Protein backbone atom coordinates (compact mmCIF):
# COMPACT_ATOMS: atom_id res chain seq x y z
CA MET A 1 26.33 -25.19 -12.53
CA ALA A 2 22.92 -25.50 -11.19
CA LYS A 3 20.93 -22.19 -13.45
CA ILE A 4 19.42 -20.13 -11.28
CA LEU A 5 16.51 -17.67 -12.30
CA VAL A 6 16.74 -13.99 -10.64
CA THR A 7 13.63 -12.02 -10.83
CA GLY A 8 14.00 -8.72 -11.03
CA GLY A 9 17.43 -9.05 -12.27
CA CYS A 10 18.01 -5.57 -12.46
CA GLY A 11 17.17 -4.17 -9.67
CA TYR A 12 19.39 -3.23 -6.39
CA ILE A 13 19.66 -6.50 -4.82
CA GLY A 14 18.93 -8.32 -7.47
CA SER A 15 21.64 -7.18 -9.68
CA HIS A 16 24.23 -7.48 -6.42
CA THR A 17 22.56 -11.04 -5.56
CA ILE A 18 23.98 -12.19 -8.75
CA VAL A 19 27.23 -11.13 -9.07
CA ASP A 20 27.25 -12.81 -6.24
CA LEU A 21 25.51 -15.77 -7.51
CA ILE A 22 27.94 -16.07 -10.85
CA GLU A 23 31.09 -15.30 -7.80
CA ASN A 24 29.62 -19.04 -6.70
CA GLY A 25 29.82 -20.98 -9.60
CA TYR A 26 26.50 -20.30 -10.58
CA ASP A 27 24.94 -20.55 -13.82
CA VAL A 28 22.28 -16.85 -13.65
CA ILE A 29 19.58 -15.68 -15.91
CA SER A 30 17.43 -12.63 -15.16
CA VAL A 31 13.64 -11.44 -15.51
CA ASP A 32 12.84 -7.96 -15.27
CA ASN A 33 10.27 -5.90 -17.45
CA ASN A 34 12.48 -2.61 -16.20
CA SER A 35 9.42 -1.03 -15.43
CA ARG A 36 10.96 -0.16 -12.40
CA SER A 37 14.46 -1.01 -12.98
CA ASN A 38 17.51 -0.04 -15.15
CA PRO A 39 18.67 -2.74 -18.20
CA VAL A 40 22.72 -0.64 -18.05
CA ILE A 41 22.59 -2.11 -14.97
CA LEU A 42 23.34 -6.08 -16.27
CA ALA A 43 26.49 -4.06 -18.36
CA GLY A 44 27.86 -3.66 -14.49
CA ILE A 45 26.65 -6.88 -13.61
CA GLU A 46 29.33 -8.34 -16.77
CA GLN A 47 32.02 -5.64 -15.89
CA ILE A 48 32.79 -7.17 -12.65
CA THR A 49 31.93 -10.81 -13.12
CA GLY A 50 32.94 -11.28 -16.91
CA GLU A 51 30.04 -13.37 -17.83
CA LYS A 52 26.99 -11.80 -19.69
CA VAL A 53 23.69 -12.51 -18.39
CA LYS A 54 20.56 -12.56 -20.05
CA ASN A 55 17.54 -11.11 -19.46
CA TYR A 56 14.28 -11.80 -20.16
CA LYS A 57 12.32 -8.07 -20.52
CA VAL A 58 8.71 -9.42 -19.54
CA ASP A 59 5.57 -8.94 -16.98
CA LEU A 60 5.88 -12.00 -14.68
CA CYS A 61 1.89 -11.31 -14.15
CA ASN A 62 1.41 -12.74 -17.45
CA PHE A 63 1.53 -16.24 -16.90
CA ASP A 64 2.06 -17.07 -20.76
CA ASP A 65 5.16 -14.72 -21.14
CA THR A 66 6.21 -16.40 -17.76
CA HIS A 67 5.47 -19.86 -18.73
CA ALA A 68 8.04 -19.44 -22.02
CA ILE A 69 10.94 -18.71 -20.22
CA PHE A 70 10.66 -22.06 -18.37
CA GLN A 71 10.20 -23.65 -21.70
CA GLU A 72 13.42 -22.03 -22.92
CA ASN A 73 14.69 -23.13 -19.63
CA PRO A 74 13.36 -26.22 -18.23
CA ASP A 75 16.98 -27.30 -16.20
CA ILE A 76 16.17 -24.11 -13.75
CA LYS A 77 17.51 -25.33 -10.38
CA GLY A 78 15.97 -22.30 -8.06
CA ILE A 79 14.34 -19.47 -8.32
CA VAL A 80 15.32 -16.21 -6.20
CA HIS A 81 12.38 -13.68 -6.30
CA PHE A 82 12.83 -10.03 -5.51
CA ALA A 83 10.45 -8.37 -8.17
CA ALA A 84 7.89 -6.29 -6.91
CA TYR A 85 6.77 -2.97 -5.92
CA LYS A 86 8.62 -1.74 -2.83
CA SER A 87 7.45 1.96 -2.28
CA VAL A 88 5.53 1.98 1.08
CA GLY A 89 3.52 5.74 -0.14
CA GLU A 90 3.14 4.57 -3.05
CA SER A 91 1.51 1.75 -1.41
CA VAL A 92 -1.02 3.80 0.56
CA GLU A 93 -1.76 5.41 -2.43
CA LYS A 94 -2.43 2.58 -4.26
CA PRO A 95 -3.05 -0.39 -2.55
CA LEU A 96 -4.77 -3.00 -5.32
CA VAL A 97 -1.85 -2.26 -8.25
CA TYR A 98 0.47 -3.45 -4.81
CA PHE A 99 -1.84 -6.97 -4.34
CA ASP A 100 -2.08 -6.94 -7.74
CA ASN A 101 1.34 -7.39 -8.99
CA ASN A 102 3.24 -8.81 -6.37
CA LEU A 103 0.55 -11.20 -5.73
CA THR A 104 -0.09 -12.13 -9.28
CA SER A 105 3.88 -12.16 -9.88
CA GLN A 106 4.55 -14.73 -7.28
CA ILE A 107 1.34 -17.23 -7.74
CA ASN A 108 2.68 -17.56 -11.49
CA LEU A 109 6.21 -18.50 -10.64
CA LEU A 110 5.19 -20.84 -8.01
CA LYS A 111 2.28 -22.80 -10.59
CA CYS A 112 5.29 -22.50 -13.04
CA SER A 113 7.72 -23.97 -10.03
CA GLN A 114 5.74 -26.66 -9.57
CA GLU A 115 4.82 -27.87 -14.01
CA PHE A 116 9.05 -28.02 -13.90
CA GLU A 117 10.00 -29.38 -10.91
CA THR A 118 12.29 -26.30 -10.04
CA PRO A 119 13.14 -27.36 -6.35
CA TYR A 120 14.22 -24.48 -4.04
CA PHE A 121 12.86 -20.74 -3.96
CA VAL A 122 14.28 -17.40 -2.30
CA PHE A 123 11.14 -15.40 -1.50
CA SER A 124 12.08 -11.83 -0.82
CA SER A 125 10.72 -10.49 2.04
CA SER A 126 10.98 -7.89 4.40
CA CYS A 127 10.85 -6.55 8.40
CA THR A 128 7.67 -4.48 7.49
CA VAL A 129 5.95 -7.89 8.16
CA TYR A 130 6.45 -7.20 12.01
CA GLY A 131 4.60 -4.57 11.49
CA ASN A 132 5.05 -1.98 14.83
CA PRO A 133 6.84 -4.66 17.21
CA ASP A 134 5.81 -4.62 21.15
CA LYS A 135 9.37 -6.31 21.54
CA ILE A 136 12.88 -5.33 19.88
CA PRO A 137 15.44 -7.32 18.82
CA VAL A 138 13.22 -9.06 16.88
CA THR A 139 12.97 -12.49 15.54
CA GLU A 140 11.65 -14.63 13.57
CA GLU A 141 9.32 -15.90 16.36
CA THR A 142 8.15 -12.35 16.95
CA PRO A 143 4.14 -12.26 16.15
CA VAL A 144 3.98 -11.02 12.95
CA LYS A 145 1.20 -8.32 13.81
CA THR A 146 -0.78 -6.10 10.80
CA ALA A 147 1.21 -4.54 8.58
CA GLU A 148 1.70 -0.68 8.19
CA SER A 149 1.71 -0.61 4.34
CA PRO A 150 -0.36 -2.27 2.14
CA TYR A 151 3.43 -2.79 0.53
CA GLY A 152 3.93 -4.81 4.17
CA ILE A 153 0.95 -6.44 3.56
CA SER A 154 2.08 -8.13 0.31
CA LYS A 155 4.58 -9.29 1.78
CA GLN A 156 2.80 -10.68 4.44
CA MET A 157 0.40 -12.69 2.39
CA SER A 158 3.66 -13.73 -0.24
CA GLU A 159 5.06 -15.51 2.64
CA GLU A 160 2.01 -17.29 3.73
CA ILE A 161 1.48 -18.14 0.12
CA THR A 162 5.02 -19.62 0.04
CA ARG A 163 4.47 -21.44 3.33
CA GLN A 164 1.37 -23.18 2.13
CA TYR A 165 2.41 -23.71 -1.26
CA SER A 166 5.20 -25.55 -0.39
CA LYS A 167 4.38 -28.03 2.81
CA SER A 168 1.53 -28.97 -0.32
CA THR A 169 4.24 -30.13 -2.57
CA GLY A 170 7.42 -30.04 -0.55
CA LEU A 171 9.07 -27.20 -2.35
CA ASN A 172 11.86 -25.82 -0.13
CA SER A 173 11.50 -22.29 -0.29
CA ILE A 174 13.68 -19.74 2.55
CA LEU A 175 12.36 -16.15 3.20
CA LEU A 176 14.59 -14.00 3.96
CA ARG A 177 13.47 -10.51 5.91
CA TYR A 178 15.12 -7.58 4.84
CA PHE A 179 15.73 -4.65 7.28
CA ASN A 180 16.95 -1.58 5.65
CA PRO A 181 19.28 -2.25 2.47
CA ALA A 182 21.92 0.34 1.74
CA GLY A 183 25.14 1.04 0.44
CA ALA A 184 26.31 0.36 -3.02
CA HIS A 185 29.07 -2.97 -4.49
CA PRO A 186 32.58 -1.53 -3.53
CA SER A 187 33.44 -0.97 -6.62
CA ALA A 188 31.34 1.16 -8.07
CA VAL A 189 30.13 -0.10 -10.93
CA LEU A 190 27.11 -1.09 -9.43
CA GLY A 191 24.09 0.94 -7.25
CA GLU A 192 20.79 1.47 -5.79
CA MET A 193 19.02 3.73 -8.70
CA PRO A 194 16.00 4.83 -7.32
CA ILE A 195 13.13 5.96 -9.72
CA GLY A 196 12.27 9.15 -9.03
CA LYS A 197 11.85 11.15 -5.82
CA PRO A 198 13.90 8.39 -3.48
CA GLU A 199 11.88 6.95 -0.40
CA ASN A 200 14.82 5.19 1.07
CA LEU A 201 17.06 7.27 3.68
CA VAL A 202 20.16 6.60 2.47
CA PRO A 203 20.06 7.38 -1.98
CA ALA A 204 18.41 10.06 -0.44
CA ILE A 205 21.30 12.01 1.92
CA THR A 206 23.46 11.02 -1.21
CA GLN A 207 21.28 12.87 -3.94
CA THR A 208 21.01 16.26 -1.13
CA ALA A 209 24.42 15.90 -1.03
CA ILE A 210 25.31 15.66 -4.46
CA GLY A 211 23.21 18.56 -5.82
CA LYS A 212 20.34 16.78 -7.36
CA ILE A 213 17.87 17.74 -4.27
CA PRO A 214 17.89 20.60 -2.90
CA LYS A 215 17.25 19.59 1.06
CA MET A 216 16.62 15.84 2.43
CA PHE A 217 13.60 15.61 5.29
CA VAL A 218 13.73 13.48 8.04
CA HIS A 219 10.52 12.58 8.69
CA GLY A 220 9.05 13.15 12.24
CA ASN A 221 11.34 14.10 15.48
CA ASP A 222 8.85 13.47 17.80
CA TYR A 223 8.99 9.87 17.74
CA PRO A 224 9.53 8.06 21.23
CA THR A 225 13.60 7.34 20.53
CA ARG A 226 17.42 8.13 21.70
CA ASP A 227 16.80 11.33 19.60
CA GLY A 228 12.81 11.75 18.25
CA SER A 229 14.04 10.13 14.52
CA CYS A 230 12.77 6.48 13.41
CA VAL A 231 15.16 3.91 14.39
CA ARG A 232 16.01 1.30 11.54
CA ASP A 233 18.80 -1.86 11.52
CA TYR A 234 20.59 -0.87 8.44
CA ILE A 235 22.34 -3.86 6.03
CA HIS A 236 24.43 -3.87 3.64
CA VAL A 237 23.19 -4.51 -0.40
CA CYS A 238 26.68 -7.15 -0.60
CA ASP A 239 25.73 -8.53 2.76
CA LEU A 240 22.07 -9.21 1.93
CA ALA A 241 23.10 -10.79 -1.38
CA ARG A 242 25.45 -13.39 -0.01
CA ALA A 243 23.03 -14.57 2.40
CA HIS A 244 21.17 -15.81 -1.03
CA THR A 245 23.59 -17.25 -2.35
CA LEU A 246 23.81 -19.24 0.97
CA ALA A 247 20.23 -20.22 0.99
CA LEU A 248 20.47 -21.80 -1.58
CA GLN A 249 23.27 -23.56 -0.78
CA ARG A 250 21.90 -24.61 2.82
CA MET A 251 18.59 -26.07 0.44
CA GLU A 252 21.00 -27.52 -2.08
CA GLY A 253 22.87 -29.65 1.00
CA GLU A 254 19.91 -30.86 2.37
CA ARG A 255 20.25 -29.41 6.02
CA SER A 256 17.23 -27.46 5.89
CA THR A 257 15.30 -28.58 9.18
CA LYS A 258 11.87 -28.09 7.22
CA VAL A 259 10.55 -26.86 4.35
CA CYS A 260 9.74 -23.60 4.52
CA GLU A 261 12.66 -21.72 6.84
CA VAL A 262 12.30 -17.78 8.11
CA TYR A 263 15.50 -15.49 8.33
CA ASN A 264 16.12 -11.94 9.46
CA LEU A 265 18.35 -10.50 7.64
CA GLY A 266 19.87 -7.11 9.62
CA THR A 267 23.09 -6.08 11.59
CA GLY A 268 21.71 -6.44 14.94
CA THR A 269 22.12 -2.89 15.85
CA GLY A 270 19.47 -0.07 15.52
CA VAL A 271 20.57 4.11 13.72
CA THR A 272 18.29 6.28 13.98
CA VAL A 273 17.64 8.63 10.86
CA LEU A 274 19.79 11.39 12.22
CA GLU A 275 22.65 9.54 13.84
CA ALA A 276 22.80 7.30 9.80
CA ILE A 277 23.05 11.43 9.00
CA LYS A 278 25.88 12.03 10.81
CA ALA A 279 27.47 8.72 10.26
CA PHE A 280 27.55 10.06 6.22
CA GLU A 281 29.14 13.88 7.07
CA LYS A 282 31.73 11.82 8.96
CA VAL A 283 32.64 10.07 5.77
CA SER A 284 32.57 11.54 3.30
CA GLY A 285 33.53 15.72 4.62
CA ILE A 286 30.25 16.85 3.42
CA LYS A 287 27.03 18.91 5.62
CA LEU A 288 23.84 17.75 4.80
CA ASN A 289 21.30 20.41 4.23
CA TYR A 290 18.21 18.61 5.67
CA GLU A 291 15.28 19.64 8.25
CA ILE A 292 12.91 18.10 10.20
CA GLY A 293 9.38 17.54 8.19
CA PRO A 294 6.55 15.45 9.87
CA ARG A 295 6.01 12.13 10.01
CA ARG A 296 5.36 9.84 6.94
CA PRO A 297 2.51 7.37 6.42
CA GLY A 298 2.73 3.94 6.66
CA ASP A 299 6.50 4.46 9.50
CA ILE A 300 6.70 2.41 11.75
CA VAL A 301 8.94 4.10 15.19
CA ALA A 302 11.50 1.30 15.44
CA ILE A 303 12.96 -1.95 14.36
CA TYR A 304 16.52 -3.77 14.16
CA ALA A 305 17.05 -7.77 13.68
CA ASN A 306 18.01 -10.45 16.05
CA ASN A 307 20.38 -12.16 13.40
CA ASP A 308 21.20 -14.61 15.36
CA LYS A 309 19.35 -18.09 13.25
CA ALA A 310 21.02 -16.73 9.86
CA LYS A 311 24.30 -16.81 11.47
CA LYS A 312 24.01 -20.19 12.90
CA GLU A 313 21.99 -22.18 10.57
CA LEU A 314 23.64 -19.80 7.00
CA GLY A 315 26.50 -19.08 8.45
CA TRP A 316 25.81 -15.49 7.14
CA GLU A 317 27.73 -12.49 8.84
CA PRO A 318 27.81 -9.47 7.45
CA GLN A 319 30.53 -7.82 6.85
CA PHE A 320 30.84 -4.25 6.54
CA ASN A 321 29.60 -1.87 8.79
CA LEU A 322 27.09 1.82 8.45
CA GLU A 323 30.22 3.39 7.45
CA ASP A 324 30.79 1.29 5.23
CA MET A 325 27.63 1.55 3.85
CA MET A 326 27.44 5.61 3.40
CA ASN A 327 31.20 5.98 2.07
CA THR A 328 29.96 3.07 -0.98
CA ALA A 329 26.95 4.75 -1.33
CA TRP A 330 28.43 8.15 -2.14
CA LYS A 331 31.29 6.65 -4.54
CA TRP A 332 28.47 5.35 -5.84
CA GLU A 333 26.55 8.48 -6.38
CA LEU A 334 29.54 10.54 -7.82
CA ARG A 335 29.87 7.53 -10.05
CA LEU A 336 25.94 8.38 -11.53
CA LYS A 337 27.34 11.92 -11.69
CA ALA A 338 30.90 11.27 -13.81
CA ASP A 339 28.65 9.10 -15.85
CA GLU A 340 25.66 10.89 -16.41
CA THR A 341 24.85 9.76 -20.13
CA VAL A 342 25.87 6.29 -19.12
CA PHE A 343 22.88 5.99 -16.35
CA GLY A 344 20.27 8.88 -17.88
CA SER A 345 17.75 6.51 -19.44
CA VAL A 346 16.09 5.64 -15.95
CA PRO A 347 12.85 6.23 -15.91
CA ARG A 348 12.12 9.50 -13.58
CA GLU A 349 8.69 8.09 -12.61
CA LEU A 350 6.51 5.41 -10.89
CA ASN A 351 3.44 3.91 -13.19
């Protein structure tokens, strides 16, 4: 059982990935300072897998504390790095906070990986690195344009840091460019727990439907798309989680063709915001209260993935469709409401 360190293990994608890793025979430890996550998620991981995952409540920007994790676990074979600030809007308001947190944490991890000879590194990247692409769907060879937000720029910089570090040291690394994660674990034991007002579309939909939010806003209906709203590629969180396990297995099996590889993780289908709302209304039977609002700073017009490379080289294939995403997200939202005493400790404001 190879030991894997998952950073941001109490977060949305991190927690689902821990489940997939455990179910595929890995020994997993987590690091998450819970500044933007809820430690109660660890109980959900245990409920699904039967395994109690140790979490180090450590700020990865503190090198000494990060180093201590590796000293205690010198047999770590792989790092799956999720821990980062991820609010596009907040990054526009506080760019230095994003650059400091997202880059410093990664550099500290790479320093430790070199000292302790950790051979595998999987980085949680984003389709935001493509900026506003000239042509869609985007492939891994699509030119990387200036990102539309400091968050996206931090992902571009983190990718380049990983690429240059791998080139100089021989570290095996894989950069996974997510499109738009959505949905929840089919058990409704794990799901997305946004802090404060949700910025991602699906939790905004479910929170509106359940009454946490009186009305949601569609950010613009004057884009050059088929119904005027932005186009995105929504991918189920469990499909994303599976790709991280496959990435580790590719490196362990010495099937990588170069020290740093890149893969798009999306369904390959573009969906407008209004189409996503209709899909939710269909599976839930609820008419959503929404209004068209102004465009949101940092948003791009349209993007979706060409995922041929991930299918061919990772053996990855999305298993969930848009209605599955909406259905599992809604079940999770209902669970949150039913168990408010359990989940009520989630922080409500961004730092």
